Amino acid sequence: MTANDIIQDSRLARVRELRDEVARLKAELAATQASCAEWEHHFTLALAAAMDADKLPSGGTMLVLDGWNIVFNSRF
């Protein structure tokens, strides 16, 4: 084995390490992008709710019902 073979092998090992690191970073980026999309969706819903709340008359009341209470409460 020559010095050039040793250098070539070490370069190849480094390239493999870098390839694995790139794959790990791509997976991390995909997870981060999915998380950002989820936060963006929640933020959009919060803005829509805030705009709806601005349309309510001042001093008025708001009745909030969830599906569970509508389905399982016989008073409605």
PDB file of N, CA and C in Angstrom:
ATOM      1  N   MET A   1       0.853  -1.160   0.000  1.00  0.00           N
ATOM      2  CA  MET A   1       0.000   0.000   0.000  1.00  0.00           C
ATOM      3  C   MET A   1       0.906   1.232   0.000  1.00  0.00           C
ATOM      4  N   THR A   2       0.583   2.142  -0.880  1.00  0.00           N
ATOM      5  CA  THR A   2       1.408   3.347  -1.012  1.00  0.00           C
ATOM      6  C   THR A   2       0.771   4.499  -0.248  1.00  0.00           C
ATOM      7  N   ALA A   3       1.530   5.570  -0.152  1.00  0.00           N
ATOM      8  CA  ALA A   3       1.025   6.771   0.515  1.00  0.00           C
ATOM      9  C   ALA A   3      -0.190   7.319  -0.226  1.00  0.00           C
ATOM     10  N   ASN A   4      -0.161   7.231  -1.554  1.00  0.00           N
ATOM     11  CA  ASN A   4      -1.306   7.710  -2.348  1.00  0.00           C
ATOM     12  C   ASN A   4      -2.558   6.887  -2.060  1.00  0.00           C
ATOM     13  N   ASP A   5      -2.390   5.585  -1.851  1.00  0.00           N
ATOM     14  CA  ASP A   5      -3.537   4.738  -1.508  1.00  0.00           C
ATOM     15  C   ASP A   5      -4.131   5.140  -0.160  1.00  0.00           C
ATOM     16  N   ILE A   6      -3.257   5.426   0.803  1.00  0.00           N
ATOM     17  CA  ILE A   6      -3.715   5.844   2.126  1.00  0.00           C
ATOM     18  C   ILE A   6      -4.469   7.168   2.037  1.00  0.00           C
ATOM     19  N   ILE A   7      -3.918   8.107   1.286  1.00  0.00           N
ATOM     20  CA  ILE A   7      -4.571   9.411   1.103  1.00  0.00           C
ATOM     21  C   ILE A   7      -5.914   9.232   0.410  1.00  0.00           C
ATOM     22  N   GLN A   8      -5.937   8.409  -0.620  1.00  0.00           N
ATOM     23  CA  GLN A   8      -7.177   8.161  -1.361  1.00  0.00           C
ATOM     24  C   GLN A   8      -8.236   7.523  -0.454  1.00  0.00           C
ATOM     25  N   ASP A   9      -7.818   6.554   0.366  1.00  0.00           N
ATOM     26  CA  ASP A   9      -8.757   5.904   1.276  1.00  0.00           C
ATOM     27  C   ASP A   9      -9.301   6.883   2.319  1.00  0.00           C
ATOM     28  N   SER A  10      -8.441   7.750   2.830  1.00  0.00           N
ATOM     29  CA  SER A  10      -8.904   8.725   3.818  1.00  0.00           C
ATOM     30  C   SER A  10      -9.855   9.731   3.175  1.00  0.00           C
ATOM     31  N   ARG A  11      -9.593  10.104   1.936  1.00  0.00           N
ATOM     32  CA  ARG A  11     -10.505  11.004   1.223  1.00  0.00           C
ATOM     33  C   ARG A  11     -11.859  10.334   1.002  1.00  0.00           C
ATOM     34  N   LEU A  12     -11.808   9.070   0.628  1.00  0.00           N
ATOM     35  CA  LEU A  12     -13.047   8.328   0.407  1.00  0.00           C
ATOM     36  C   LEU A  12     -13.849   8.200   1.707  1.00  0.00           C
ATOM     37  N   ALA A  13     -13.156   7.943   2.801  1.00  0.00           N
ATOM     38  CA  ALA A  13     -13.833   7.861   4.093  1.00  0.00           C
ATOM     39  C   ALA A  13     -14.472   9.201   4.448  1.00  0.00           C
ATOM     40  N   ARG A  14     -13.758  10.282   4.188  1.00  0.00           N
ATOM     41  CA  ARG A  14     -14.299  11.622   4.479  1.00  0.00           C
ATOM     42  C   ARG A  14     -15.524  11.921   3.620  1.00  0.00           C
ATOM     43  N   VAL A  15     -15.484  11.533   2.367  1.00  0.00           N
ATOM     44  CA  VAL A  15     -16.633  11.734   1.473  1.00  0.00           C
ATOM     45  C   VAL A  15     -17.838  10.949   1.990  1.00  0.00           C
ATOM     46  N   ARG A  16     -17.603   9.744   2.469  1.00  0.00           N
ATOM     47  CA  ARG A  16     -18.709   8.952   3.029  1.00  0.00           C
ATOM     48  C   ARG A  16     -19.273   9.610   4.279  1.00  0.00           C
ATOM     49  N   GLU A  17     -18.411  10.133   5.137  1.00  0.00           N
ATOM     50  CA  GLU A  17     -18.873  10.841   6.327  1.00  0.00           C
ATOM     51  C   GLU A  17     -19.712  12.052   5.943  1.00  0.00           C
ATOM     52  N   LEU A  18     -19.242  12.792   4.957  1.00  0.00           N
ATOM     53  CA  LEU A  18     -19.977  13.981   4.512  1.00  0.00           C
ATOM     54  C   LEU A  18     -21.318  13.597   3.891  1.00  0.00           C
ATOM     55  N   ARG A  19     -21.348  12.508   3.136  1.00  0.00           N
ATOM     56  CA  ARG A  19     -22.601  12.035   2.527  1.00  0.00           C
ATOM     57  C   ARG A  19     -23.613  11.679   3.614  1.00  0.00           C
ATOM     58  N   ASP A  20     -23.142  10.996   4.653  1.00  0.00           N
ATOM     59  CA  ASP A  20     -24.034  10.639   5.757  1.00  0.00           C
ATOM     60  C   ASP A  20     -24.531  11.891   6.485  1.00  0.00           C
ATOM     61  N   GLU A  21     -23.657  12.857   6.664  1.00  0.00           N
ATOM     62  CA  GLU A  21     -24.036  14.105   7.327  1.00  0.00           C
ATOM     63  C   GLU A  21     -25.067  14.866   6.492  1.00  0.00           C
ATOM     64  N   VAL A  22     -24.899  14.885   5.183  1.00  0.00           N
ATOM     65  CA  VAL A  22     -25.868  15.548   4.294  1.00  0.00           C
ATOM     66  C   VAL A  22     -27.226  14.856   4.392  1.00  0.00           C
ATOM     67  N   ALA A  23     -27.234  13.536   4.434  1.00  0.00           N
ATOM     68  CA  ALA A  23     -28.499  12.801   4.553  1.00  0.00           C
ATOM     69  C   ALA A  23     -29.179  13.123   5.879  1.00  0.00           C
ATOM     70  N   ARG A  24     -28.403  13.206   6.959  1.00  0.00           N
ATOM     71  CA  ARG A  24     -28.962  13.534   8.263  1.00  0.00           C
ATOM     72  C   ARG A  24     -29.541  14.949   8.268  1.00  0.00           C
ATOM     73  N   LEU A  25     -28.800  15.874   7.667  1.00  0.00           N
ATOM     74  CA  LEU A  25     -29.261  17.259   7.609  1.00  0.00           C
ATOM     75  C   LEU A  25     -30.505  17.413   6.738  1.00  0.00           C
ATOM     76  N   LYS A  26     -30.590  16.647   5.663  1.00  0.00           N
ATOM     77  CA  LYS A  26     -31.792  16.686   4.816  1.00  0.00           C
ATOM     78  C   LYS A  26     -33.014  16.213   5.596  1.00  0.00           C
ATOM     79  N   ALA A  27     -32.843  15.156   6.378  1.00  0.00           N
ATOM     80  CA  ALA A  27     -33.959  14.654   7.188  1.00  0.00           C
ATOM     81  C   ALA A  27     -34.351  15.684   8.246  1.00  0.00           C
ATOM     82  N   GLU A  28     -33.367  16.303   8.858  1.00  0.00           N
ATOM     83  CA  GLU A  28     -33.648  17.333   9.862  1.00  0.00           C
ATOM     84  C   GLU A  28     -34.345  18.536   9.234  1.00  0.00           C
ATOM     85  N   LEU A  29     -33.912  18.921   8.035  1.00  0.00           N
ATOM     86  CA  LEU A  29     -34.546  20.030   7.329  1.00  0.00           C
ATOM     87  C   LEU A  29     -36.001  19.711   6.993  1.00  0.00           C
ATOM     88  N   ALA A  30     -36.256  18.494   6.539  1.00  0.00           N
ATOM     89  CA  ALA A  30     -37.630  18.101   6.211  1.00  0.00           C
ATOM     90  C   ALA A  30     -38.520  18.163   7.450  1.00  0.00           C
ATOM     91  N   ALA A  31     -38.002  17.699   8.586  1.00  0.00           N
ATOM     92  CA  ALA A  31     -38.782  17.750   9.824  1.00  0.00           C
ATOM     93  C   ALA A  31     -39.023  19.195  10.241  1.00  0.00           C
ATOM     94  N   THR A  32     -38.033  20.046  10.105  1.00  0.00           N
ATOM     95  CA  THR A  32     -38.175  21.452  10.464  1.00  0.00           C
ATOM     96  C   THR A  32     -39.168  22.151   9.542  1.00  0.00           C
ATOM     97  N   GLN A  33     -39.119  21.848   8.256  1.00  0.00           N
ATOM     98  CA  GLN A  33     -40.067  22.441   7.312  1.00  0.00           C
ATOM     99  C   GLN A  33     -41.492  22.004   7.624  1.00  0.00           C
ATOM    100  N   ALA A  34     -41.673  20.740   7.995  1.00  0.00           N
ATOM    101  CA  ALA A  34     -43.008  20.262   8.362  1.00  0.00           C
ATOM    102  C   ALA A  34     -43.504  20.984   9.613  1.00  0.00           C
ATOM    103  N   SER A  35     -42.624  21.168  10.568  1.00  0.00           N
ATOM    104  CA  SER A  35     -42.991  21.880  11.790  1.00  0.00           C
ATOM    105  C   SER A  35     -43.358  23.333  11.482  1.00  0.00           C
ATOM    106  N   CYS A  36     -42.590  23.968  10.616  1.00  0.00           N
ATOM    107  CA  CYS A  36     -42.885  25.362  10.232  1.00  0.00           C
ATOM    108  C   CYS A  36     -44.231  25.460   9.532  1.00  0.00           C
ATOM    109  N   ALA A  37     -44.537  24.496   8.666  1.00  0.00           N
ATOM    110  CA  ALA A  37     -45.823  24.505   7.971  1.00  0.00           C
ATOM    111  C   ALA A  37     -46.968  24.360   8.966  1.00  0.00           C
ATOM    112  N   GLU A  38     -46.756  23.518   9.981  1.00  0.00           N
ATOM    113  CA  GLU A  38     -47.780  23.336  11.004  1.00  0.00           C
ATOM    114  C   GLU A  38     -47.996  24.621  11.791  1.00  0.00           C
ATOM    115  N   TRP A  39     -46.910  25.286  12.176  1.00  0.00           N
ATOM    116  CA  TRP A  39     -47.019  26.555  12.902  1.00  0.00           C
ATOM    117  C   TRP A  39     -47.675  27.622  12.038  1.00  0.00           C
ATOM    118  N   GLU A  40     -47.342  27.644  10.751  1.00  0.00           N
ATOM    119  CA  GLU A  40     -47.944  28.622   9.840  1.00  0.00           C
ATOM    120  C   GLU A  40     -49.456  28.419   9.771  1.00  0.00           C
ATOM    121  N   HIS A  41     -49.880  27.158   9.725  1.00  0.00           N
ATOM    122  CA  HIS A  41     -51.310  26.853   9.683  1.00  0.00           C
ATOM    123  C   HIS A  41     -52.001  27.345  10.959  1.00  0.00           C
ATOM    124  N   HIS A  42     -51.410  27.064  12.114  1.00  0.00           N
ATOM    125  CA  HIS A  42     -51.987  27.518  13.379  1.00  0.00           C
ATOM    126  C   HIS A  42     -52.029  29.046  13.452  1.00  0.00           C
ATOM    127  N   PHE A  43     -50.990  29.699  12.971  1.00  0.00           N
ATOM    128  CA  PHE A  43     -50.945  31.157  12.983  1.00  0.00           C
ATOM    129  C   PHE A  43     -52.029  31.737  12.082  1.00  0.00           C
ATOM    130  N   THR A  44     -52.232  31.129  10.921  1.00  0.00           N
ATOM    131  CA  THR A  44     -53.280  31.579  10.004  1.00  0.00           C
ATOM    132  C   THR A  44     -54.656  31.456  10.658  1.00  0.00           C
ATOM    133  N   LEU A  45     -54.876  30.336  11.345  1.00  0.00           N
ATOM    134  CA  LEU A  45     -56.155  30.165  12.045  1.00  0.00           C
ATOM    135  C   LEU A  45     -56.318  31.196  13.156  1.00  0.00           C
ATOM    136  N   ALA A  46     -55.240  31.496  13.866  1.00  0.00           N
ATOM    137  CA  ALA A  46     -55.313  32.494  14.937  1.00  0.00           C
ATOM    138  C   ALA A  46     -55.626  33.871  14.373  1.00  0.00           C
ATOM    139  N   LEU A  47     -55.047  34.215  13.229  1.00  0.00           N
ATOM    140  CA  LEU A  47     -55.349  35.509  12.597  1.00  0.00           C
ATOM    141  C   LEU A  47     -56.801  35.575  12.158  1.00  0.00           C
ATOM    142  N   ALA A  48     -57.292  34.478  11.588  1.00  0.00           N
ATOM    143  CA  ALA A  48     -58.698  34.450  11.167  1.00  0.00           C
ATOM    144  C   ALA A  48     -59.615  34.613  12.374  1.00  0.00           C
ATOM    145  N   ALA A  49     -59.292  33.956  13.481  1.00  0.00           N
ATOM    146  CA  ALA A  49     -60.109  34.083  14.696  1.00  0.00           C
ATOM    147  C   ALA A  49     -60.052  35.508  15.228  1.00  0.00           C
ATOM    148  N   ALA A  50     -58.880  36.127  15.178  1.00  0.00           N
ATOM    149  CA  ALA A  50     -58.753  37.513  15.657  1.00  0.00           C
ATOM    150  C   ALA A  50     -59.573  38.459  14.799  1.00  0.00           C
ATOM    151  N   MET A  51     -59.569  38.250  13.493  1.00  0.00           N
ATOM    152  CA  MET A  51     -60.365  39.107  12.613  1.00  0.00           C
ATOM    153  C   MET A  51     -61.858  38.904  12.866  1.00  0.00           C
ATOM    154  N   ASP A  52     -62.266  37.655  13.117  1.00  0.00           N
ATOM    155  CA  ASP A  52     -63.666  37.385  13.438  1.00  0.00           C
ATOM    156  C   ASP A  52     -64.051  38.037  14.766  1.00  0.00           C
ATOM    157  N   ALA A  53     -63.146  37.981  15.736  1.00  0.00           N
ATOM    158  CA  ALA A  53     -63.426  38.585  17.046  1.00  0.00           C
ATOM    159  C   ALA A  53     -63.568  40.098  16.924  1.00  0.00           C
ATOM    160  N   ASP A  54     -62.812  40.726  16.016  1.00  0.00           N
ATOM    161  CA  ASP A  54     -62.920  42.173  15.810  1.00  0.00           C
ATOM    162  C   ASP A  54     -64.286  42.571  15.258  1.00  0.00           C
ATOM    163  N   LYS A  55     -64.965  41.652  14.602  1.00  0.00           N
ATOM    164  CA  LYS A  55     -66.268  41.957  13.999  1.00  0.00           C
ATOM    165  C   LYS A  55     -67.409  41.880  15.009  1.00  0.00           C
ATOM    166  N   LEU A  56     -67.154  41.329  16.192  1.00  0.00           N
ATOM    167  CA  LEU A  56     -68.208  41.215  17.203  1.00  0.00           C
ATOM    168  C   LEU A  56     -68.527  42.591  17.773  1.00  0.00           C
ATOM    169  N   PRO A  57     -69.772  42.807  18.121  1.00  0.00           N
ATOM    170  CA  PRO A  57     -70.129  44.096  18.737  1.00  0.00           C
ATOM    171  C   PRO A  57     -69.497  44.208  20.126  1.00  0.00           C
ATOM    172  N   SER A  58     -69.143  45.411  20.488  1.00  0.00           N
ATOM    173  CA  SER A  58     -68.527  45.608  21.803  1.00  0.00           C
ATOM    174  C   SER A  58     -69.557  45.346  22.894  1.00  0.00           C
ATOM    175  N   GLY A  59     -69.142  44.728  23.969  1.00  0.00           N
ATOM    176  CA  GLY A  59     -70.036  44.418  25.071  1.00  0.00           C
ATOM    177  C   GLY A  59     -70.922  43.214  24.818  1.00  0.00           C
ATOM    178  N   GLY A  60     -70.812  42.614  23.662  1.00  0.00           N
ATOM    179  CA  GLY A  60     -71.635  41.449  23.351  1.00  0.00           C
ATOM    180  C   GLY A  60     -71.073  40.193  23.999  1.00  0.00           C
ATOM    181  N   THR A  61     -71.825  39.136  23.912  1.00  0.00           N
ATOM    182  CA  THR A  61     -71.373  37.860  24.450  1.00  0.00           C
ATOM    183  C   THR A  61     -71.217  36.871  23.304  1.00  0.00           C
ATOM    184  N   MET A  62     -70.417  35.872  23.574  1.00  0.00           N
ATOM    185  CA  MET A  62     -70.183  34.863  22.555  1.00  0.00           C
ATOM    186  C   MET A  62     -70.421  33.500  23.195  1.00  0.00           C
ATOM    187  N   LEU A  63     -71.178  32.656  22.536  1.00  0.00           N
ATOM    188  CA  LEU A  63     -71.427  31.310  23.008  1.00  0.00           C
ATOM    189  C   LEU A  63     -70.531  30.375  22.207  1.00  0.00           C
ATOM    190  N   VAL A  64     -69.688  29.649  22.901  1.00  0.00           N
ATOM    191  CA  VAL A  64     -68.771  28.718  22.244  1.00  0.00           C
ATOM    192  C   VAL A  64     -69.220  27.308  22.574  1.00  0.00           C
ATOM    193  N   LEU A  65     -69.498  26.536  21.550  1.00  0.00           N
ATOM    194  CA  LEU A  65     -69.937  25.154  21.717  1.00  0.00           C
ATOM    195  C   LEU A  65     -68.948  24.238  21.020  1.00  0.00           C
ATOM    196  N   ASP A  66     -68.663  23.134  21.677  1.00  0.00           N
ATOM    197  CA  ASP A  66     -67.851  22.135  21.005  1.00  0.00           C
ATOM    198  C   ASP A  66     -68.746  20.973  20.598  1.00  0.00           C
ATOM    199  N   GLY A  67     -68.270  20.163  19.715  1.00  0.00           N
ATOM    200  CA  GLY A  67     -69.064  19.062  19.180  1.00  0.00           C
ATOM    201  C   GLY A  67     -69.514  18.076  20.242  1.00  0.00           C
ATOM    202  N   TRP A  68     -68.672  17.825  21.229  1.00  0.00           N
ATOM    203  CA  TRP A  68     -69.010  16.881  22.285  1.00  0.00           C
ATOM    204  C   TRP A  68     -70.274  17.325  23.021  1.00  0.00           C
ATOM    205  N   ASN A  69     -70.339  18.589  23.393  1.00  0.00           N
ATOM    206  CA  ASN A  69     -71.494  19.084  24.125  1.00  0.00           C
ATOM    207  C   ASN A  69     -72.739  19.130  23.255  1.00  0.00           C
ATOM    208  N   ILE A  70     -72.596  19.396  22.004  1.00  0.00           N
ATOM    209  CA  ILE A  70     -73.761  19.421  21.114  1.00  0.00           C
ATOM    210  C   ILE A  70     -74.319  18.012  20.936  1.00  0.00           C
ATOM    211  N   VAL A  71     -73.462  17.051  20.744  1.00  0.00           N
ATOM    212  CA  VAL A  71     -73.905  15.682  20.491  1.00  0.00           C
ATOM    213  C   VAL A  71     -74.448  15.025  21.758  1.00  0.00           C
ATOM    214  N   PHE A  72     -73.776  15.208  22.891  1.00  0.00           N
ATOM    215  CA  PHE A  72     -74.115  14.447  24.085  1.00  0.00           C
ATOM    216  C   PHE A  72     -74.914  15.215  25.142  1.00  0.00           C
ATOM    217  N   ASN A  73     -75.298  16.429  24.858  1.00  0.00           N
ATOM    218  CA  ASN A  73     -76.086  17.196  25.821  1.00  0.00           C
ATOM    219  C   ASN A  73     -77.505  17.329  25.267  1.00  0.00           C
ATOM    220  N   SER A  74     -78.473  16.806  25.998  1.00  0.00           N
ATOM    221  CA  SER A  74     -79.849  16.774  25.482  1.00  0.00           C
ATOM    222  C   SER A  74     -80.543  18.124  25.582  1.00  0.00           C
ATOM    223  N   ARG A  75     -79.925  19.118  26.232  1.00  0.00           N
ATOM    224  CA  ARG A  75     -80.566  20.421  26.365  1.00  0.00           C
ATOM    225  C   ARG A  75     -80.556  21.195  25.061  1.00  0.00           C
ATOM    226  N   PHE A  76     -79.773  20.817  24.099  1.00  0.00           N
ATOM    227  CA  PHE A  76     -79.701  21.590  22.847  1.00  0.00           C
ATOM    228  C   PHE A  76     -80.684  21.092  21.848  1.00  0.00           C
TER     229      PHE A  76
END
